[in-house]
């Protein structure tokens, strides 16, 4: 449980720092033998900042619960 808690804390901190991820995908529009037309499309994946806070709190709870267990 301690490892899971630490992973949640680190993930929560990263989620607070990076609130969204941008990436580009390439889609084939026309394929006529040797001639190809591709379209590049920018995509974004985001999450609310409170989700990072919840992950940090859950990680702290797991780490503290593991220490009390010993």
N, C-alpha and C. Protein backbone atom coordinates (compact mmCIF):
# COMPACT_ATOMS: atom_id res chain seq x y z
N UNK A 1 0.82 -1.19 0.00
CA UNK A 1 0.00 0.00 0.00
C UNK A 1 0.86 1.26 0.00
N UNK A 2 2.03 1.15 0.59
CA UNK A 2 2.91 2.32 0.65
C UNK A 2 3.36 2.74 -0.75
N UNK A 3 3.69 1.77 -1.59
CA UNK A 3 4.13 2.07 -2.96
C UNK A 3 2.99 2.70 -3.75
N UNK A 4 1.79 2.19 -3.59
CA UNK A 4 0.62 2.76 -4.26
C UNK A 4 0.38 4.20 -3.81
N UNK A 5 0.55 4.45 -2.53
CA UNK A 5 0.38 5.80 -2.01
C UNK A 5 1.41 6.76 -2.58
N UNK A 6 2.65 6.32 -2.67
CA UNK A 6 3.70 7.17 -3.23
C UNK A 6 3.43 7.45 -4.71
N UNK A 7 2.99 6.43 -5.44
CA UNK A 7 2.67 6.62 -6.86
C UNK A 7 1.51 7.62 -7.01
N UNK A 8 0.51 7.53 -6.15
CA UNK A 8 -0.61 8.47 -6.21
C UNK A 8 -0.16 9.89 -5.89
N UNK A 9 0.73 10.05 -4.94
CA UNK A 9 1.23 11.38 -4.60
C UNK A 9 1.98 11.98 -5.79
N UNK A 10 2.88 11.21 -6.39
CA UNK A 10 3.65 11.70 -7.53
C UNK A 10 2.71 12.01 -8.71
N UNK A 11 1.76 11.13 -8.97
CA UNK A 11 0.82 11.36 -10.07
C UNK A 11 -0.03 12.61 -9.80
N UNK A 12 -0.44 12.80 -8.56
CA UNK A 12 -1.23 13.99 -8.21
C UNK A 12 -0.45 15.28 -8.41
N UNK A 13 0.83 15.27 -8.02
CA UNK A 13 1.68 16.46 -8.23
C UNK A 13 1.83 16.74 -9.72
N UNK A 14 2.06 15.70 -10.51
CA UNK A 14 2.19 15.89 -11.96
C UNK A 14 0.89 16.39 -12.57
N UNK A 15 -0.25 15.91 -12.05
CA UNK A 15 -1.54 16.36 -12.57
C UNK A 15 -1.80 17.83 -12.23
N UNK A 16 -1.26 18.31 -11.11
CA UNK A 16 -1.41 19.72 -10.78
C UNK A 16 -0.51 20.60 -11.64
N UNK A 17 0.67 20.08 -11.98
CA UNK A 17 1.60 20.84 -12.81
C UNK A 17 1.14 20.86 -14.26
N UNK A 18 0.81 19.69 -14.80
CA UNK A 18 0.39 19.57 -16.19
C UNK A 18 -1.12 19.33 -16.21
N UNK A 19 -1.89 20.37 -16.48
CA UNK A 19 -3.35 20.23 -16.43
C UNK A 19 -3.93 19.66 -17.72
N UNK A 20 -3.13 19.61 -18.78
CA UNK A 20 -3.60 18.96 -20.00
C UNK A 20 -2.41 18.47 -20.81
N UNK A 21 -2.70 17.55 -21.73
CA UNK A 21 -1.68 16.98 -22.60
C UNK A 21 -2.11 17.23 -24.04
N UNK A 22 -1.21 17.78 -24.84
CA UNK A 22 -1.48 18.03 -26.25
C UNK A 22 -0.71 17.02 -27.10
N UNK A 23 -1.37 16.50 -28.13
CA UNK A 23 -0.72 15.57 -29.04
C UNK A 23 -1.31 15.73 -30.43
N UNK A 24 -0.56 15.29 -31.43
CA UNK A 24 -0.97 15.41 -32.82
C UNK A 24 -1.17 14.02 -33.41
N UNK A 25 -2.27 13.85 -34.14
CA UNK A 25 -2.52 12.60 -34.85
C UNK A 25 -2.57 12.91 -36.35
N UNK A 26 -2.21 11.94 -37.14
CA UNK A 26 -2.23 12.09 -38.59
C UNK A 26 -3.25 11.12 -39.17
N UNK A 27 -4.14 11.65 -39.98
CA UNK A 27 -5.23 10.86 -40.55
C UNK A 27 -5.09 10.86 -42.07
N UNK A 28 -5.21 9.68 -42.68
CA UNK A 28 -5.12 9.56 -44.13
C UNK A 28 -6.46 9.96 -44.73
N UNK A 29 -6.45 10.99 -45.57
CA UNK A 29 -7.68 11.50 -46.19
C UNK A 29 -7.90 10.86 -47.55
N UNK A 30 -6.86 10.87 -48.40
CA UNK A 30 -6.96 10.31 -49.75
C UNK A 30 -5.76 9.41 -49.99
N UNK A 31 -6.01 8.24 -50.56
CA UNK A 31 -4.93 7.32 -50.90
C UNK A 31 -5.17 6.83 -52.33
N UNK A 32 -4.48 7.46 -53.27
CA UNK A 32 -4.61 7.10 -54.69
C UNK A 32 -3.29 6.53 -55.19
N UNK A 33 -2.97 5.35 -54.78
CA UNK A 33 -1.71 4.72 -55.19
C UNK A 33 -0.53 5.47 -54.61
N UNK A 34 0.32 6.05 -55.48
CA UNK A 34 1.50 6.75 -54.98
C UNK A 34 1.18 8.12 -54.38
N UNK A 35 -0.04 8.63 -54.60
CA UNK A 35 -0.42 9.94 -54.07
C UNK A 35 -1.23 9.75 -52.79
N UNK A 36 -0.75 10.37 -51.72
CA UNK A 36 -1.46 10.30 -50.44
C UNK A 36 -1.64 11.70 -49.91
N UNK A 37 -2.81 11.96 -49.36
CA UNK A 37 -3.08 13.23 -48.70
C UNK A 37 -3.41 12.93 -47.25
N UNK A 38 -2.62 13.50 -46.35
CA UNK A 38 -2.80 13.29 -44.93
C UNK A 38 -3.21 14.59 -44.25
N UNK A 39 -3.95 14.46 -43.17
CA UNK A 39 -4.37 15.61 -42.40
C UNK A 39 -3.85 15.46 -40.98
N UNK A 40 -3.13 16.48 -40.51
CA UNK A 40 -2.66 16.48 -39.13
C UNK A 40 -3.69 17.18 -38.26
N UNK A 41 -4.00 16.56 -37.13
CA UNK A 41 -5.03 17.08 -36.26
C UNK A 41 -4.46 17.22 -34.85
N UNK A 42 -4.59 18.42 -34.28
CA UNK A 42 -4.14 18.65 -32.90
C UNK A 42 -5.24 18.24 -31.94
N UNK A 43 -4.87 17.45 -30.95
CA UNK A 43 -5.81 16.98 -29.94
C UNK A 43 -5.31 17.39 -28.56
N UNK A 44 -6.25 17.49 -27.63
CA UNK A 44 -5.90 17.86 -26.27
C UNK A 44 -6.69 16.99 -25.31
N UNK A 45 -6.02 16.56 -24.25
CA UNK A 45 -6.66 15.76 -23.21
C UNK A 45 -6.41 16.46 -21.89
N UNK A 46 -7.45 16.89 -21.22
CA UNK A 46 -7.29 17.63 -19.97
C UNK A 46 -8.14 17.08 -18.85
N UNK A 47 -7.85 17.54 -17.64
CA UNK A 47 -8.59 17.13 -16.45
C UNK A 47 -8.64 18.30 -15.50
N UNK A 48 -9.63 18.34 -14.62
CA UNK A 48 -9.70 19.43 -13.65
C UNK A 48 -8.59 19.33 -12.61
N UNK A 49 -8.18 20.46 -12.08
CA UNK A 49 -7.06 20.46 -11.14
C UNK A 49 -7.40 19.79 -9.81
N UNK A 50 -8.68 19.74 -9.45
CA UNK A 50 -9.05 19.13 -8.19
C UNK A 50 -8.77 17.62 -8.19
N UNK A 51 -8.71 17.00 -9.34
CA UNK A 51 -8.42 15.57 -9.42
C UNK A 51 -7.01 15.29 -8.92
N UNK A 52 -6.06 16.18 -9.24
CA UNK A 52 -4.70 16.04 -8.73
C UNK A 52 -4.66 16.15 -7.22
N UNK A 53 -5.44 17.08 -6.66
CA UNK A 53 -5.51 17.22 -5.20
C UNK A 53 -6.08 15.99 -4.53
N UNK A 54 -7.10 15.42 -5.13
CA UNK A 54 -7.70 14.20 -4.57
C UNK A 54 -6.70 13.04 -4.61
N UNK A 55 -5.93 12.95 -5.69
CA UNK A 55 -4.92 11.88 -5.79
C UNK A 55 -3.84 12.06 -4.73
N UNK A 56 -3.42 13.30 -4.48
CA UNK A 56 -2.40 13.55 -3.44
C UNK A 56 -2.94 13.17 -2.07
N UNK A 57 -4.16 13.57 -1.75
CA UNK A 57 -4.75 13.26 -0.44
C UNK A 57 -4.92 11.75 -0.27
N UNK A 58 -5.37 11.06 -1.33
CA UNK A 58 -5.53 9.61 -1.24
C UNK A 58 -4.18 8.93 -1.04
N UNK A 59 -3.14 9.43 -1.70
CA UNK A 59 -1.80 8.87 -1.52
C UNK A 59 -1.29 9.06 -0.11
N UNK A 60 -1.52 10.25 0.46
CA UNK A 60 -1.09 10.51 1.84
C UNK A 60 -1.82 9.59 2.81
N UNK A 61 -3.12 9.41 2.58
CA UNK A 61 -3.90 8.51 3.45
C UNK A 61 -3.36 7.09 3.39
N UNK A 62 -3.01 6.61 2.20
CA UNK A 62 -2.47 5.25 2.07
C UNK A 62 -1.11 5.11 2.76
N UNK A 63 -0.25 6.11 2.63
CA UNK A 63 1.07 6.05 3.26
C UNK A 63 0.93 6.08 4.78
N UNK A 64 0.08 6.95 5.31
CA UNK A 64 -0.11 7.05 6.76
C UNK A 64 -0.77 5.78 7.30
N UNK A 65 -1.73 5.21 6.57
CA UNK A 65 -2.39 3.99 7.02
C UNK A 65 -1.40 2.81 7.05
N UNK A 66 -0.46 2.81 6.13
CA UNK A 66 0.55 1.74 6.11
C UNK A 66 1.50 1.87 7.29
N UNK A 67 1.84 3.10 7.69
CA UNK A 67 2.74 3.29 8.84
C UNK A 67 2.05 2.90 10.15
N UNK A 68 0.75 3.18 10.27
CA UNK A 68 0.02 2.81 11.48
C UNK A 68 -0.15 1.30 11.58
N UNK A 69 -0.14 0.62 10.46
CA UNK A 69 -0.33 -0.83 10.41
C UNK A 69 0.84 -1.57 11.06
N UNK A 70 2.04 -1.01 10.94
CA UNK A 70 3.24 -1.65 11.50
C UNK A 70 3.16 -1.59 12.96
